[in-house]
Amino acid sequence: MIGDYLIDLANRLCYYRGAPILLTPKEFKVAALFFRHAGEILTREHLMAVIWGYGGSVVSRSLDTHVAKIRLKMKLRPENGVRLVSVYGHGYRMDVMGTQS
């Protein structure tokens, strides 16, 4: 659990303040990876390899599209205690604004 977010890996479900968040299987996989590595920069290459199985340097907007949908569906904003930021030239990082439990 991070802030008001609960990621149930066993059942592949996400909750915000107890309410379920409907994510596609791929969106769940991306979100779960960010929550497991909160505070760490995850490179685009690493994300593409883990989520889609791509090796090397792959140019794809699919990752950006999934990140945008996750931000919207999960309400990942500073006022909700968690934000997902792009780190120019590197990838993405999930920042936890409050305490992590």
C-alpha atoms as a PDB file:
ATOM      1  CA  MET A   1       0.000   0.000   0.000  1.00  0.00           C
ATOM      2  CA  ILE A   2       1.256   3.442  -0.910  1.00  0.00           C
ATOM      3  CA  GLY A   3      -0.782   6.309   0.471  1.00  0.00           C
ATOM      4  CA  ASP A   4      -4.429   5.656  -0.390  1.00  0.00           C
ATOM      5  CA  TYR A   5      -3.482   3.219  -3.159  1.00  0.00           C
ATOM      6  CA  LEU A   6      -3.615  -0.547  -2.825  1.00  0.00           C
ATOM      7  CA  ILE A   7      -2.174  -2.817  -5.496  1.00  0.00           C
ATOM      8  CA  ASP A   8      -3.411  -6.400  -5.115  1.00  0.00           C
ATOM      9  CA  LEU A   9      -0.859  -8.375  -7.123  1.00  0.00           C
ATOM     10  CA  ALA A  10      -2.471 -11.760  -6.449  1.00  0.00           C
ATOM     11  CA  ASN A  11      -5.830 -10.701  -7.890  1.00  0.00           C
ATOM     12  CA  ARG A  12      -4.431  -8.080 -10.306  1.00  0.00           C
ATOM     13  CA  LEU A  13      -6.609  -5.301  -8.889  1.00  0.00           C
ATOM     14  CA  CYS A  14      -5.968  -1.668  -7.962  1.00  0.00           C
ATOM     15  CA  TYR A  15      -7.851   0.417  -5.427  1.00  0.00           C
ATOM     16  CA  TYR A  16      -7.832   4.095  -4.542  1.00  0.00           C
ATOM     17  CA  ARG A  17      -9.403   4.904  -1.169  1.00  0.00           C
ATOM     18  CA  GLY A  18     -11.143   1.530  -1.297  1.00  0.00           C
ATOM     19  CA  ALA A  19     -12.707   2.081  -4.724  1.00  0.00           C
ATOM     20  CA  PRO A  20     -11.619  -0.271  -7.521  1.00  0.00           C
ATOM     21  CA  ILE A  21      -9.744   1.194 -10.481  1.00  0.00           C
ATOM     22  CA  LEU A  22     -10.474  -0.509 -13.791  1.00  0.00           C
ATOM     23  CA  LEU A  23      -7.226  -1.138 -15.660  1.00  0.00           C
ATOM     24  CA  THR A  24      -6.470  -3.305 -18.668  1.00  0.00           C
ATOM     25  CA  PRO A  25      -4.061  -6.199 -18.010  1.00  0.00           C
ATOM     26  CA  LYS A  26      -1.195  -4.249 -19.610  1.00  0.00           C
ATOM     27  CA  GLU A  27      -2.027  -1.070 -17.665  1.00  0.00           C
ATOM     28  CA  PHE A  28      -2.061  -3.101 -14.452  1.00  0.00           C
ATOM     29  CA  LYS A  29       1.360  -4.552 -15.258  1.00  0.00           C
ATOM     30  CA  VAL A  30       2.801  -1.078 -15.881  1.00  0.00           C
ATOM     31  CA  ALA A  31       1.175   0.402 -12.749  1.00  0.00           C
ATOM     32  CA  ALA A  32       2.317  -2.488 -10.539  1.00  0.00           C
ATOM     33  CA  LEU A  33       5.890  -2.048 -11.761  1.00  0.00           C
ATOM     34  CA  PHE A  34       5.846   1.658 -10.864  1.00  0.00           C
ATOM     35  CA  PHE A  35       4.363   0.996  -7.424  1.00  0.00           C
ATOM     36  CA  ARG A  36       6.954  -1.732  -6.702  1.00  0.00           C
ATOM     37  CA  HIS A  37       9.736   0.684  -7.647  1.00  0.00           C
ATOM     38  CA  ALA A  38       8.351   3.943  -6.202  1.00  0.00           C
ATOM     39  CA  GLY A  39      11.039   6.614  -6.016  1.00  0.00           C
ATOM     40  CA  GLU A  40      13.261   4.901  -8.594  1.00  0.00           C
ATOM     41  CA  ILE A  41      13.797   5.983 -12.187  1.00  0.00           C
ATOM     42  CA  LEU A  42      12.667   3.230 -14.532  1.00  0.00           C
ATOM     43  CA  THR A  43      14.211   3.625 -17.965  1.00  0.00           C
ATOM     44  CA  ARG A  44      12.094   3.377 -21.075  1.00  0.00           C
ATOM     45  CA  GLU A  45      14.243   0.448 -22.208  1.00  0.00           C
ATOM     46  CA  HIS A  46      13.667  -1.432 -18.940  1.00  0.00           C
ATOM     47  CA  LEU A  47       9.917  -0.799 -19.045  1.00  0.00           C
ATOM     48  CA  MET A  48       9.656  -1.885 -22.682  1.00  0.00           C
ATOM     49  CA  ALA A  49      11.661  -5.057 -21.958  1.00  0.00           C
ATOM     50  CA  VAL A  50       9.686  -6.027 -18.843  1.00  0.00           C
ATOM     51  CA  ILE A  51       6.203  -5.115 -20.082  1.00  0.00           C
ATOM     52  CA  TRP A  52       6.408  -5.860 -23.807  1.00  0.00           C
ATOM     53  CA  GLY A  53       9.474  -8.098 -24.014  1.00  0.00           C
ATOM     54  CA  TYR A  54      11.345  -5.742 -26.338  1.00  0.00           C
ATOM     55  CA  GLY A  55      15.126  -5.746 -26.260  1.00  0.00           C
ATOM     56  CA  GLY A  56      17.472  -2.928 -27.142  1.00  0.00           C
ATOM     57  CA  SER A  57      16.398   0.598 -27.931  1.00  0.00           C
ATOM     58  CA  VAL A  58      12.827   0.525 -29.211  1.00  0.00           C
ATOM     59  CA  VAL A  59      10.972   3.678 -30.176  1.00  0.00           C
ATOM     60  CA  SER A  60       7.322   3.262 -29.299  1.00  0.00           C
ATOM     61  CA  ARG A  61       4.561   5.573 -28.149  1.00  0.00           C
ATOM     62  CA  SER A  62       2.759   2.621 -26.572  1.00  0.00           C
ATOM     63  CA  LEU A  63       4.537   3.162 -23.246  1.00  0.00           C
ATOM     64  CA  ASP A  64       3.673   6.873 -23.225  1.00  0.00           C
ATOM     65  CA  THR A  65       0.044   6.067 -24.025  1.00  0.00           C
ATOM     66  CA  HIS A  66      -0.171   3.553 -21.177  1.00  0.00           C
ATOM     67  CA  VAL A  67       1.463   5.982 -18.734  1.00  0.00           C
ATOM     68  CA  ALA A  68      -1.007   8.721 -19.712  1.00  0.00           C
ATOM     69  CA  LYS A  69      -3.967   6.372 -19.204  1.00  0.00           C
ATOM     70  CA  ILE A  70      -2.626   5.187 -15.833  1.00  0.00           C
ATOM     71  CA  ARG A  71      -2.124   8.778 -14.647  1.00  0.00           C
ATOM     72  CA  LEU A  72      -5.719   9.568 -15.568  1.00  0.00           C
ATOM     73  CA  LYS A  73      -7.451   6.408 -14.339  1.00  0.00           C
ATOM     74  CA  MET A  74      -5.492   6.218 -11.066  1.00  0.00           C
ATOM     75  CA  LYS A  75      -5.597   9.980 -10.408  1.00  0.00           C
ATOM     76  CA  LEU A  76      -1.821  10.088  -9.901  1.00  0.00           C
ATOM     77  CA  ARG A  77      -1.515  13.715  -8.828  1.00  0.00           C
ATOM     78  CA  PRO A  78       0.379  15.440  -6.008  1.00  0.00           C
ATOM     79  CA  GLU A  79      -2.883  16.299  -4.230  1.00  0.00           C
ATOM     80  CA  ASN A  80      -3.554  12.536  -4.042  1.00  0.00           C
ATOM     81  CA  GLY A  81      -0.101  11.831  -2.620  1.00  0.00           C
ATOM     82  CA  VAL A  82       1.435  10.115  -5.641  1.00  0.00           C
ATOM     83  CA  ARG A  83       2.580  11.400  -9.004  1.00  0.00           C
ATOM     84  CA  LEU A  84       4.117   9.740 -12.020  1.00  0.00           C
ATOM     85  CA  VAL A  85       6.707  11.996 -13.649  1.00  0.00           C
ATOM     86  CA  SER A  86       8.755  11.714 -16.789  1.00  0.00           C
ATOM     87  CA  VAL A  87      12.489  12.120 -16.288  1.00  0.00           C
ATOM     88  CA  TYR A  88      13.809  13.694 -19.476  1.00  0.00           C
ATOM     89  CA  GLY A  89      16.203  11.448 -21.350  1.00  0.00           C
ATOM     90  CA  HIS A  90      15.797   8.566 -18.896  1.00  0.00           C
ATOM     91  CA  GLY A  91      12.249   7.303 -18.315  1.00  0.00           C
ATOM     92  CA  TYR A  92       9.677   7.648 -15.551  1.00  0.00           C
ATOM     93  CA  ARG A  93       9.603   7.830 -11.752  1.00  0.00           C
ATOM     94  CA  MET A  94       6.733   7.468  -9.309  1.00  0.00           C
ATOM     95  CA  ASP A  95       7.034  10.040  -6.527  1.00  0.00           C
ATOM     96  CA  VAL A  96       5.300   9.476  -3.210  1.00  0.00           C
ATOM     97  CA  MET A  97       4.446  12.843  -1.679  1.00  0.00           C
ATOM     98  CA  GLY A  98       3.643  11.578   1.828  1.00  0.00           C
ATOM     99  CA  THR A  99       4.701   8.540   3.790  1.00  0.00           C
ATOM    100  CA  GLN A 100       4.787   5.067   2.334  1.00  0.00           C
ATOM    101  CA  SER A 101       3.268   2.118   4.229  1.00  0.00           C
END
